[in-house]
N, C-alpha and C. Protein backbone atom coordinates (compact mmCIF):
# COMPACT_ATOMS: atom_id res chain seq x y z
N UNK A 1 43.16 2.92 22.80
CA UNK A 1 42.39 3.31 21.47
C UNK A 1 41.08 3.21 21.85
N UNK A 2 40.59 2.31 22.77
CA UNK A 2 39.24 1.98 22.94
C UNK A 2 38.50 3.28 23.34
N UNK A 3 39.21 4.22 24.33
CA UNK A 3 38.51 5.47 24.73
C UNK A 3 38.45 6.37 23.63
N UNK A 4 39.46 6.28 22.62
CA UNK A 4 39.46 7.27 21.64
C UNK A 4 38.45 7.07 20.69
N UNK A 5 37.95 5.66 20.36
CA UNK A 5 36.90 5.31 19.57
C UNK A 5 35.51 5.87 20.09
N UNK A 6 35.42 5.85 21.32
CA UNK A 6 34.15 6.40 21.88
C UNK A 6 34.14 7.90 21.74
N UNK A 7 35.22 8.58 21.83
CA UNK A 7 35.19 9.91 21.53
C UNK A 7 35.14 10.48 20.11
N UNK A 8 34.95 9.36 19.35
CA UNK A 8 34.90 9.67 17.80
C UNK A 8 36.32 9.74 17.00
N UNK A 9 37.19 9.21 17.63
CA UNK A 9 38.52 9.25 16.89
C UNK A 9 38.81 8.01 16.46
N UNK A 10 39.39 7.94 15.11
CA UNK A 10 39.38 6.66 14.44
C UNK A 10 40.93 6.53 14.09
N UNK A 11 41.70 7.51 13.83
CA UNK A 11 43.09 7.12 13.55
C UNK A 11 44.03 7.29 14.67
N UNK A 12 45.25 6.79 14.43
CA UNK A 12 46.34 7.10 15.65
C UNK A 12 46.63 8.55 15.67
N UNK A 13 46.69 9.12 14.60
CA UNK A 13 47.09 10.71 14.49
C UNK A 13 46.09 11.50 15.32
N UNK A 14 44.86 11.16 15.00
CA UNK A 14 43.83 11.81 15.63
C UNK A 14 43.99 11.62 17.24
N UNK A 15 44.25 10.28 17.84
CA UNK A 15 44.34 9.95 19.00
C UNK A 15 45.56 10.82 19.84
N UNK A 16 46.50 10.87 18.98
CA UNK A 16 47.73 11.50 19.66
C UNK A 16 47.33 13.07 19.91
N UNK A 17 46.64 13.70 18.95
CA UNK A 17 46.16 15.07 18.90
C UNK A 17 45.28 15.30 20.11
N UNK A 18 44.25 14.22 20.16
CA UNK A 18 43.29 14.59 21.20
C UNK A 18 43.85 14.28 22.60
N UNK A 19 44.81 13.42 22.78
CA UNK A 19 45.53 13.28 24.17
C UNK A 19 46.24 14.35 24.55
N UNK A 20 46.91 14.93 23.46
CA UNK A 20 47.87 16.12 23.80
C UNK A 20 47.10 17.27 24.31
N UNK A 21 45.76 17.42 23.73
CA UNK A 21 44.90 18.63 24.19
C UNK A 21 44.37 18.47 25.55
N UNK A 22 44.23 17.25 26.05
CA UNK A 22 43.54 16.91 27.30
C UNK A 22 44.70 16.90 28.47
N UNK A 23 46.05 16.84 28.16
CA UNK A 23 46.86 16.89 29.12
C UNK A 23 47.09 18.37 29.50
N UNK A 24 47.01 18.33 30.98
CA UNK A 24 47.32 19.76 31.58
C UNK A 24 48.71 19.69 32.10
N UNK A 25 49.37 20.88 31.81
CA UNK A 25 50.76 21.04 32.43
C UNK A 25 50.51 21.18 33.83
N UNK A 26 51.40 20.21 34.49
CA UNK A 26 51.37 20.20 35.85
C UNK A 26 52.49 21.16 36.42
N UNK A 27 52.29 22.28 37.18
CA UNK A 27 53.19 22.97 37.56
C UNK A 27 53.40 22.53 39.15
N UNK A 28 54.79 22.52 39.52
CA UNK A 28 55.02 22.19 40.83
C UNK A 28 55.32 23.31 41.58
N UNK A 29 54.75 23.25 42.73
CA UNK A 29 54.92 24.28 43.79
C UNK A 29 55.84 23.88 45.02
N UNK A 30 56.25 24.94 45.73
CA UNK A 30 57.10 24.62 46.87
C UNK A 30 56.87 25.68 47.88
N UNK A 31 56.88 25.25 49.28
CA UNK A 31 56.80 26.10 50.27
C UNK A 31 58.11 26.72 50.73
N UNK A 32 57.97 27.98 50.83
CA UNK A 32 59.19 28.79 51.20
C UNK A 32 58.96 29.74 52.33
N UNK A 33 60.04 30.10 53.04
CA UNK A 33 60.08 30.99 54.16
C UNK A 33 60.78 32.28 53.55
N UNK A 34 60.14 33.53 53.36
CA UNK A 34 60.73 34.70 52.88
C UNK A 34 61.66 35.29 54.01
N UNK A 35 62.95 35.58 53.63
CA UNK A 35 63.78 36.13 54.54
C UNK A 35 64.10 37.66 54.19
N UNK A 36 63.39 38.25 53.31
CA UNK A 36 63.19 39.65 52.82
C UNK A 36 61.87 39.87 52.26
N UNK A 37 61.34 41.21 52.35
CA UNK A 37 60.37 41.56 51.54
C UNK A 37 60.70 41.45 50.06
N UNK A 38 59.79 40.54 49.31
CA UNK A 38 60.06 40.33 47.79
C UNK A 38 58.87 40.98 47.26
N UNK A 39 58.96 41.74 46.38
CA UNK A 39 57.89 42.33 45.68
C UNK A 39 57.08 41.29 44.93
N UNK A 40 55.79 41.53 44.89
CA UNK A 40 54.75 40.39 44.21
C UNK A 40 54.79 39.01 45.05
N UNK A 41 55.40 39.01 45.95
CA UNK A 41 55.44 37.52 46.54
C UNK A 41 55.09 37.61 48.08
N UNK A 42 55.77 38.45 48.95
CA UNK A 42 55.10 38.55 50.32
C UNK A 42 56.16 39.48 51.07
N UNK A 43 55.94 39.41 52.36
CA UNK A 43 56.78 40.19 53.44
C UNK A 43 57.66 39.24 53.95
N UNK A 44 58.74 39.86 54.71
CA UNK A 44 59.73 39.08 55.65
C UNK A 44 58.97 38.09 56.61
N UNK A 45 59.43 36.90 56.62
CA UNK A 45 59.00 35.91 57.45
C UNK A 45 57.65 35.22 57.30
N UNK A 46 57.08 35.44 56.06
CA UNK A 46 55.93 34.65 55.72
C UNK A 46 56.23 33.52 55.06
N UNK A 47 55.35 32.57 55.24
CA UNK A 47 55.38 31.33 54.45
C UNK A 47 54.57 31.46 53.26
N UNK A 48 55.19 31.13 52.17
CA UNK A 48 54.47 31.27 51.01
C UNK A 48 54.48 29.83 50.14
N UNK A 49 53.68 29.66 49.15
CA UNK A 49 53.74 28.43 48.19
C UNK A 49 53.95 29.07 46.78
N UNK A 50 55.22 29.03 46.24
CA UNK A 50 55.49 29.51 44.99
C UNK A 50 55.74 28.51 44.11
N UNK A 51 56.01 28.90 42.79
CA UNK A 51 56.36 27.83 41.72
C UNK A 51 57.79 27.58 42.07
N UNK A 52 58.23 26.11 41.62
CA UNK A 52 59.44 25.69 42.20
C UNK A 52 60.62 26.22 41.27
N UNK A 53 60.35 26.50 39.99
CA UNK A 53 61.29 27.03 39.11
C UNK A 53 61.54 28.48 39.57
N UNK A 54 60.62 29.20 39.97
CA UNK A 54 61.03 30.63 40.37
C UNK A 54 61.83 30.58 41.68
N UNK A 55 61.61 29.76 42.63
CA UNK A 55 62.35 29.49 43.73
C UNK A 55 63.79 29.07 43.48
N UNK A 56 63.78 27.98 42.67
CA UNK A 56 65.22 27.64 42.50
C UNK A 56 66.00 28.46 41.62
N UNK A 57 65.47 29.12 40.61
CA UNK A 57 66.28 29.78 39.73
C UNK A 57 66.49 31.36 40.02
N UNK A 58 65.65 31.93 40.98
CA UNK A 58 65.70 33.34 41.36
C UNK A 58 65.95 33.45 42.85
N UNK A 59 65.10 33.09 43.68
CA UNK A 59 64.96 33.33 45.05
C UNK A 59 65.93 32.83 45.84
N UNK A 60 66.20 31.48 45.79
CA UNK A 60 67.19 30.75 46.54
C UNK A 60 68.62 31.16 46.21
N UNK A 61 69.05 31.24 44.93
CA UNK A 61 70.30 31.68 44.66
C UNK A 61 70.70 33.19 45.26
N UNK A 62 69.78 34.02 45.31
CA UNK A 62 69.84 35.43 45.88
C UNK A 62 69.67 35.40 47.30
N UNK A 63 69.50 34.27 48.10
CA UNK A 63 69.28 34.12 49.54
C UNK A 63 68.05 34.90 49.93
N UNK A 64 67.04 34.94 49.17
CA UNK A 64 65.93 35.84 49.62
C UNK A 64 64.79 34.85 50.40
N UNK A 65 65.07 33.54 50.25
CA UNK A 65 64.08 32.47 50.78
C UNK A 65 64.98 31.38 51.40
N UNK A 66 64.10 30.66 52.37
CA UNK A 66 64.53 29.40 52.66
C UNK A 66 63.66 28.36 52.50
N UNK A 67 63.70 27.16 52.14
CA UNK A 67 62.81 26.12 52.05
C UNK A 67 62.09 25.80 53.45
N UNK A 68 60.71 25.57 53.20
CA UNK A 68 59.89 25.53 54.51
C UNK A 68 59.89 24.19 54.96
N UNK A 69 61.10 23.71 55.56
CA UNK A 69 61.19 22.31 56.18
C UNK A 69 60.73 22.54 57.81
N UNK A 70 60.61 21.43 58.24
CA UNK A 70 60.30 21.46 59.65
C UNK A 70 61.37 22.18 60.64
N UNK A 71 62.57 22.01 60.28
CA UNK A 71 63.67 22.61 60.96
C UNK A 71 63.62 24.08 60.75
N UNK A 72 63.41 24.50 59.54
CA UNK A 72 63.35 25.95 59.25
C UNK A 72 62.03 26.74 59.64
N UNK A 73 60.93 25.85 59.96
CA UNK A 73 59.70 26.43 60.59
C UNK A 73 59.83 26.58 61.80
N UNK A 74 60.67 25.66 62.62
CA UNK A 74 61.03 26.02 63.92
C UNK A 74 61.72 27.22 64.21
N UNK A 75 62.80 27.48 63.33
CA UNK A 75 63.60 28.57 63.24
C UNK A 75 62.82 29.85 63.08
N UNK A 76 61.71 29.83 62.16
CA UNK A 76 60.73 30.96 61.96
C UNK A 76 60.05 31.19 63.14
N UNK A 77 59.46 30.39 63.84
CA UNK A 77 58.90 30.61 65.19
C UNK A 77 59.78 31.30 66.08
N UNK A 78 60.99 30.81 66.26
CA UNK A 78 62.00 31.36 67.22
C UNK A 78 62.22 32.83 66.74
N UNK A 79 62.40 33.14 65.46
CA UNK A 79 62.65 34.52 65.01
C UNK A 79 61.32 35.40 65.42
N UNK A 80 60.20 34.83 65.09
CA UNK A 80 58.96 35.78 65.41
C UNK A 80 58.77 35.96 66.77
N UNK A 81 59.43 35.01 67.76
CA UNK A 81 59.23 35.21 69.16
C UNK A 81 60.29 36.35 69.64
N UNK A 82 61.41 36.44 68.93
CA UNK A 82 62.45 37.30 69.26
C UNK A 82 62.01 38.71 68.65
N UNK A 83 61.51 38.84 67.66
CA UNK A 83 61.00 40.08 67.04
C UNK A 83 59.76 40.62 67.95
N UNK A 84 58.88 39.82 68.49
CA UNK A 84 57.86 40.23 69.40
C UNK A 84 58.64 40.73 70.78
N UNK A 85 59.48 40.11 71.29
CA UNK A 85 60.17 40.63 72.46
C UNK A 85 60.74 41.91 72.12
N UNK A 86 61.44 42.08 71.07
CA UNK A 86 62.13 43.36 70.84
C UNK A 86 61.11 44.43 70.75
N UNK A 87 59.98 44.17 69.93
CA UNK A 87 59.02 45.09 69.97
C UNK A 87 58.45 45.68 71.22
N UNK A 88 58.16 44.53 72.11
CA UNK A 88 57.73 45.01 73.53
C UNK A 88 58.82 45.79 74.19
N UNK A 89 60.09 45.52 74.21
CA UNK A 89 61.08 46.14 74.67
C UNK A 89 61.23 47.70 74.07
N UNK A 90 61.01 47.82 72.97
CA UNK A 90 61.04 49.29 72.19
C UNK A 90 59.94 49.93 72.66
N UNK A 91 58.72 49.32 72.66
CA UNK A 91 57.51 50.08 73.09
C UNK A 91 57.72 50.55 74.45
N UNK A 92 58.27 49.66 75.55
CA UNK A 92 58.53 50.15 76.87
C UNK A 92 59.44 51.46 76.99
N UNK A 93 60.65 51.34 76.21
CA UNK A 93 61.43 52.41 76.13
C UNK A 93 60.90 53.56 75.49
N UNK A 94 60.07 53.62 74.54
CA UNK A 94 59.41 54.76 73.86
C UNK A 94 58.47 55.31 74.99
N UNK A 95 57.64 54.50 75.68
CA UNK A 95 56.70 54.96 76.69
C UNK A 95 57.52 55.64 77.82
N UNK A 96 58.57 55.10 78.14
CA UNK A 96 59.40 55.72 79.37
C UNK A 96 59.90 57.00 78.96
N UNK A 97 60.38 57.15 77.77
CA UNK A 97 60.82 58.46 76.99
C UNK A 97 59.81 59.39 76.95
N UNK A 98 58.54 58.95 76.39
CA UNK A 98 57.38 60.09 76.39
C UNK A 98 56.92 60.42 77.79
N UNK A 99 57.08 59.66 78.77
CA UNK A 99 56.58 60.05 80.01
C UNK A 99 57.54 60.99 80.59
N UNK A 100 58.81 60.83 80.52
CA UNK A 100 59.90 61.67 80.87
C UNK A 100 59.89 63.15 80.22
N UNK A 101 59.75 63.03 78.91
CA UNK A 101 59.82 64.27 78.15
C UNK A 101 58.74 65.18 78.16
N UNK A 102 57.41 64.46 78.37
CA UNK A 102 56.27 65.23 78.17
C UNK A 102 56.07 66.22 79.31
N UNK A 103 55.94 67.52 78.97
CA UNK A 103 55.70 68.58 79.77
C UNK A 103 57.00 69.23 80.43
N UNK A 104 58.06 68.84 80.01
CA UNK A 104 59.31 69.56 80.32
C UNK A 104 59.52 70.87 79.87
N UNK A 105 60.30 71.68 80.26
CA UNK A 105 60.56 73.14 79.85
C UNK A 105 62.06 73.00 79.37
N UNK A 106 62.14 73.44 78.08
CA UNK A 106 63.62 73.47 77.48
C UNK A 106 63.86 74.97 77.19
N UNK A 107 65.00 75.31 77.90
CA UNK A 107 65.37 76.86 77.65
C UNK A 107 66.59 76.93 76.70
N UNK A 108 66.53 77.61 75.77
CA UNK A 108 67.58 77.84 74.77
C UNK A 108 67.99 79.33 74.56
N UNK A 109 69.32 79.58 74.91
CA UNK A 109 69.72 80.92 74.83
C UNK A 109 70.01 81.28 73.58
N UNK A 110 69.62 82.32 73.00
CA UNK A 110 69.99 82.82 71.64
C UNK A 110 70.59 84.21 71.76
N UNK A 111 71.52 84.68 71.11
CA UNK A 111 71.92 85.86 70.89
C UNK A 111 70.94 86.81 70.08
N UNK A 112 70.76 87.95 70.71
CA UNK A 112 69.80 88.99 70.12
C UNK A 112 70.49 90.26 69.91
N UNK A 113 69.93 91.09 68.94
CA UNK A 113 70.54 92.21 68.65
C UNK A 113 70.01 93.56 69.48
N UNK A 114 70.38 94.82 69.11
CA UNK A 114 69.72 95.78 70.05
C UNK A 114 68.35 95.99 69.91
N UNK A 115 67.60 95.66 68.83
CA UNK A 115 66.29 95.77 68.72
C UNK A 115 65.49 94.48 69.04
N UNK A 116 66.10 93.55 69.61
CA UNK A 116 65.59 92.25 70.03
C UNK A 116 65.21 91.35 68.97
N UNK A 117 65.92 91.34 67.91
CA UNK A 117 65.91 90.38 66.73
C UNK A 117 66.87 89.13 67.07
N UNK A 118 66.57 88.01 66.80
CA UNK A 118 67.43 86.99 66.77
C UNK A 118 68.39 86.86 65.94
N UNK A 119 69.65 86.60 66.15
CA UNK A 119 70.68 86.31 65.17
C UNK A 119 70.61 85.13 64.42
N UNK A 120 69.86 84.09 65.05
CA UNK A 120 69.59 82.83 64.46
C UNK A 120 68.31 82.31 64.71
N UNK A 121 67.70 81.52 63.99
CA UNK A 121 66.44 80.92 64.11
C UNK A 121 66.74 79.59 64.93
N UNK A 122 65.63 79.18 65.61
CA UNK A 122 65.69 77.80 66.54
C UNK A 122 64.84 76.80 65.57
N UNK A 123 65.73 75.61 65.21
CA UNK A 123 64.92 74.66 64.42
C UNK A 123 65.00 73.34 65.20
N UNK A 124 64.44 72.40 64.52
CA UNK A 124 64.49 71.14 65.21
C UNK A 124 65.82 70.46 65.55
N UNK A 125 66.84 70.84 64.81
CA UNK A 125 68.22 70.43 65.14
C UNK A 125 68.68 70.95 66.54
N UNK A 126 68.49 72.32 66.69
CA UNK A 126 68.88 72.76 67.99
C UNK A 126 68.05 72.41 69.12
N UNK A 127 66.85 72.11 68.84
CA UNK A 127 66.06 71.59 70.00
C UNK A 127 66.46 70.07 70.43
N UNK A 128 66.67 69.31 69.46
CA UNK A 128 67.17 67.95 69.34
C UNK A 128 68.49 67.89 70.18
N UNK A 129 69.50 68.70 69.96
CA UNK A 129 70.98 68.91 70.62
C UNK A 129 70.79 69.30 71.88
N UNK A 130 69.81 70.28 72.22
CA UNK A 130 69.54 70.67 73.67
C UNK A 130 68.75 69.50 74.23
N UNK A 131 68.05 68.67 73.95
CA UNK A 131 67.33 67.43 74.47
C UNK A 131 68.39 66.47 74.88
N UNK A 132 69.24 66.34 73.84
CA UNK A 132 70.40 65.45 73.96
C UNK A 132 71.26 65.80 75.06
N UNK A 133 71.62 67.11 75.19
CA UNK A 133 72.57 67.56 76.34
C UNK A 133 71.73 67.36 77.78
N UNK A 134 70.36 67.36 77.49
CA UNK A 134 69.63 67.16 78.98
C UNK A 134 69.47 65.54 79.22
N UNK A 135 69.85 64.86 78.50
CA UNK A 135 69.91 63.46 78.61
C UNK A 135 68.81 62.54 77.96
N UNK A 136 67.96 63.23 76.85
CA UNK A 136 66.96 62.64 76.24
C UNK A 136 67.42 62.31 74.93
N UNK A 137 67.19 61.13 74.37
CA UNK A 137 67.59 60.67 73.08
C UNK A 137 66.31 60.83 72.15
N UNK A 138 66.23 62.03 71.60
CA UNK A 138 65.19 62.45 70.53
C UNK A 138 65.81 62.72 69.43
N UNK A 139 65.37 62.24 68.35
CA UNK A 139 65.96 62.43 66.84
C UNK A 139 65.30 63.84 66.29
N UNK A 140 66.23 64.38 65.53
CA UNK A 140 65.63 65.68 64.67
C UNK A 140 64.26 65.44 64.12
N UNK A 141 64.29 64.36 63.50
CA UNK A 141 62.95 63.93 62.53
C UNK A 141 61.75 63.73 63.45
N UNK A 142 61.86 63.58 64.77
CA UNK A 142 60.73 63.34 65.65
C UNK A 142 60.13 64.65 66.05
N UNK A 143 60.98 65.67 66.07
CA UNK A 143 60.28 66.96 66.44
C UNK A 143 59.64 67.88 65.30
N UNK A 144 58.55 68.13 65.87
CA UNK A 144 57.57 68.59 64.67
C UNK A 144 57.46 70.08 64.82
N UNK A 145 58.01 70.99 64.01
CA UNK A 145 57.83 72.47 63.97
C UNK A 145 57.38 72.63 62.62
N UNK A 146 56.46 73.52 62.52
CA UNK A 146 55.98 73.93 61.31
C UNK A 146 56.90 74.83 60.60
N UNK A 147 57.67 75.63 61.36
CA UNK A 147 58.80 76.44 60.76
C UNK A 147 59.57 76.88 61.79
N UNK A 148 60.63 77.25 61.34
CA UNK A 148 61.80 77.48 62.43
C UNK A 148 61.18 78.86 63.37
N UNK A 149 61.66 78.83 64.62
CA UNK A 149 61.18 79.88 65.52
C UNK A 149 62.20 81.16 65.45
N UNK A 150 61.70 82.39 65.20
CA UNK A 150 62.62 83.53 64.97
C UNK A 150 62.41 84.56 65.89
N UNK A 151 61.72 84.19 67.32
CA UNK A 151 61.57 85.30 68.17
C UNK A 151 61.73 84.62 69.49
N UNK A 152 61.79 85.56 70.59
CA UNK A 152 61.91 84.94 71.95
C UNK A 152 60.53 84.69 72.40
N UNK A 153 60.43 83.82 73.35
CA UNK A 153 59.16 83.55 74.08
C UNK A 153 58.96 82.22 74.36
N UNK A 154 57.75 81.70 74.77
CA UNK A 154 57.39 80.35 75.07
C UNK A 154 56.59 79.78 73.91
N UNK A 155 57.00 78.51 73.38
CA UNK A 155 56.37 77.78 72.34
C UNK A 155 56.07 76.40 72.71
N UNK A 156 54.89 75.87 72.22
CA UNK A 156 54.73 74.43 72.54
C UNK A 156 55.41 73.69 71.39
N UNK A 157 55.96 72.55 71.55
CA UNK A 157 56.57 71.87 70.46
C UNK A 157 56.19 70.28 70.74
N UNK A 158 55.61 69.68 69.61
CA UNK A 158 55.15 68.30 69.72
C UNK A 158 56.40 67.51 69.20
N UNK A 159 56.46 66.28 69.97
CA UNK A 159 57.41 65.26 69.66
C UNK A 159 56.70 63.89 69.44
N UNK A 160 56.98 63.35 68.14
CA UNK A 160 56.30 62.32 67.72
C UNK A 160 57.41 61.08 67.94
N UNK A 161 57.17 60.27 68.90
CA UNK A 161 58.06 59.25 69.12
C UNK A 161 57.69 57.95 68.55
N UNK A 162 58.57 56.87 68.66
CA UNK A 162 58.17 55.47 68.03
C UNK A 162 56.93 55.12 68.64
N UNK A 163 56.20 54.20 67.76
CA UNK A 163 54.97 53.34 68.16
C UNK A 163 53.93 54.36 68.38
N UNK A 164 53.83 55.51 67.56
CA UNK A 164 52.72 56.44 67.59
C UNK A 164 52.66 57.32 68.97
N UNK A 165 53.58 57.21 69.64
CA UNK A 165 53.44 58.01 71.08
C UNK A 165 53.94 59.42 70.78
N UNK A 166 53.18 60.52 71.42
CA UNK A 166 53.37 61.72 71.11
C UNK A 166 53.68 62.40 72.63
N UNK A 167 54.51 63.28 72.53
CA UNK A 167 54.82 64.08 73.68
C UNK A 167 54.96 65.63 73.39
N UNK A 168 54.58 66.29 74.35
CA UNK A 168 54.72 67.89 74.12
C UNK A 168 55.74 68.62 75.10
N UNK A 169 56.63 69.43 74.54
CA UNK A 169 57.51 70.14 75.64
C UNK A 169 57.15 71.60 75.38
N UNK A 170 57.73 72.29 76.29
CA UNK A 170 57.55 73.83 76.44
C UNK A 170 59.00 74.38 76.01
N UNK A 171 59.11 75.03 74.91
CA UNK A 171 60.35 75.53 74.44
C UNK A 171 60.32 76.95 75.01
N UNK A 172 61.36 77.42 75.72
CA UNK A 172 61.53 78.78 76.11
C UNK A 172 62.74 79.42 75.42
N UNK A 173 62.64 80.26 74.59
CA UNK A 173 63.74 80.95 74.01
C UNK A 173 63.96 82.41 74.62
N UNK A 174 65.24 82.41 75.17
CA UNK A 174 65.78 83.46 76.07
C UNK A 174 66.65 84.25 75.24
N UNK A 175 66.64 85.47 75.03
CA UNK A 175 67.68 86.27 74.33
C UNK A 175 68.82 86.79 75.23
N UNK A 176 69.96 86.46 74.73
CA UNK A 176 71.29 87.00 75.26
C UNK A 176 71.63 88.20 74.67
N UNK A 177 71.80 89.43 75.31
CA UNK A 177 71.97 90.51 74.50
C UNK A 177 73.65 90.43 74.36
N UNK A 178 74.11 90.83 72.97
CA UNK A 178 75.26 90.57 72.74
C UNK A 178 76.02 92.01 73.12
N UNK A 179 77.07 91.93 73.95
CA UNK A 179 77.80 93.04 74.30
C UNK A 179 79.06 93.34 73.41
N UNK A 180 78.84 94.35 73.00
CA UNK A 180 80.16 94.75 72.23
C UNK A 180 80.89 95.84 72.87
N UNK A 181 82.29 95.55 73.01
CA UNK A 181 83.07 96.59 73.71
C UNK A 181 83.47 97.65 72.71
N UNK A 182 82.96 98.70 72.79
CA UNK A 182 83.23 99.91 71.99
C UNK A 182 84.27 100.68 72.71
N UNK A 183 85.30 100.85 72.03
CA UNK A 183 86.31 101.71 72.55
C UNK A 183 86.58 102.85 71.77
N UNK A 184 86.49 104.06 72.40
CA UNK A 184 86.53 105.21 71.68
C UNK A 184 88.10 105.74 71.95
N UNK A 185 88.71 106.01 70.85
CA UNK A 185 89.93 106.40 70.81
C UNK A 185 90.06 108.01 70.73
């Protein structure tokens, strides 16, 4: 009551009101490890400090986070090491594939008509299938063609591999003349 008098408060009711206005709400926070990307919180395997209620009531029941205990932080470090090793292995595989594929010639035989027109166009799916038959694991989405090829000849085709690696192949489209057996009776 003594401190309230100094502040100019004389009654008990005024003292109660003055103390309520000066009390700040204390929010408790807890450190967590994100197990998945969570919008407005962070990305997978980040350590964040968030409100305890949000963690207890929303994130932990949905198994989106773990508490950042010493044991879990050690687990996090081992997970990060494994991810780094896997990324290095993926990079090596992509570099090997890029060096093997770069500059090779891919020949695709397509049926042509009497006037030299192709019966079908060559798209990224056909190129991908041909590369797979040659032993190269290249996805259709990695082959960059502006539009399907509809004529015979040689064409440069770019392949965008993982880790921003790029290779270029030479696509040779050869026409097979369709032989029709015409029997005259």
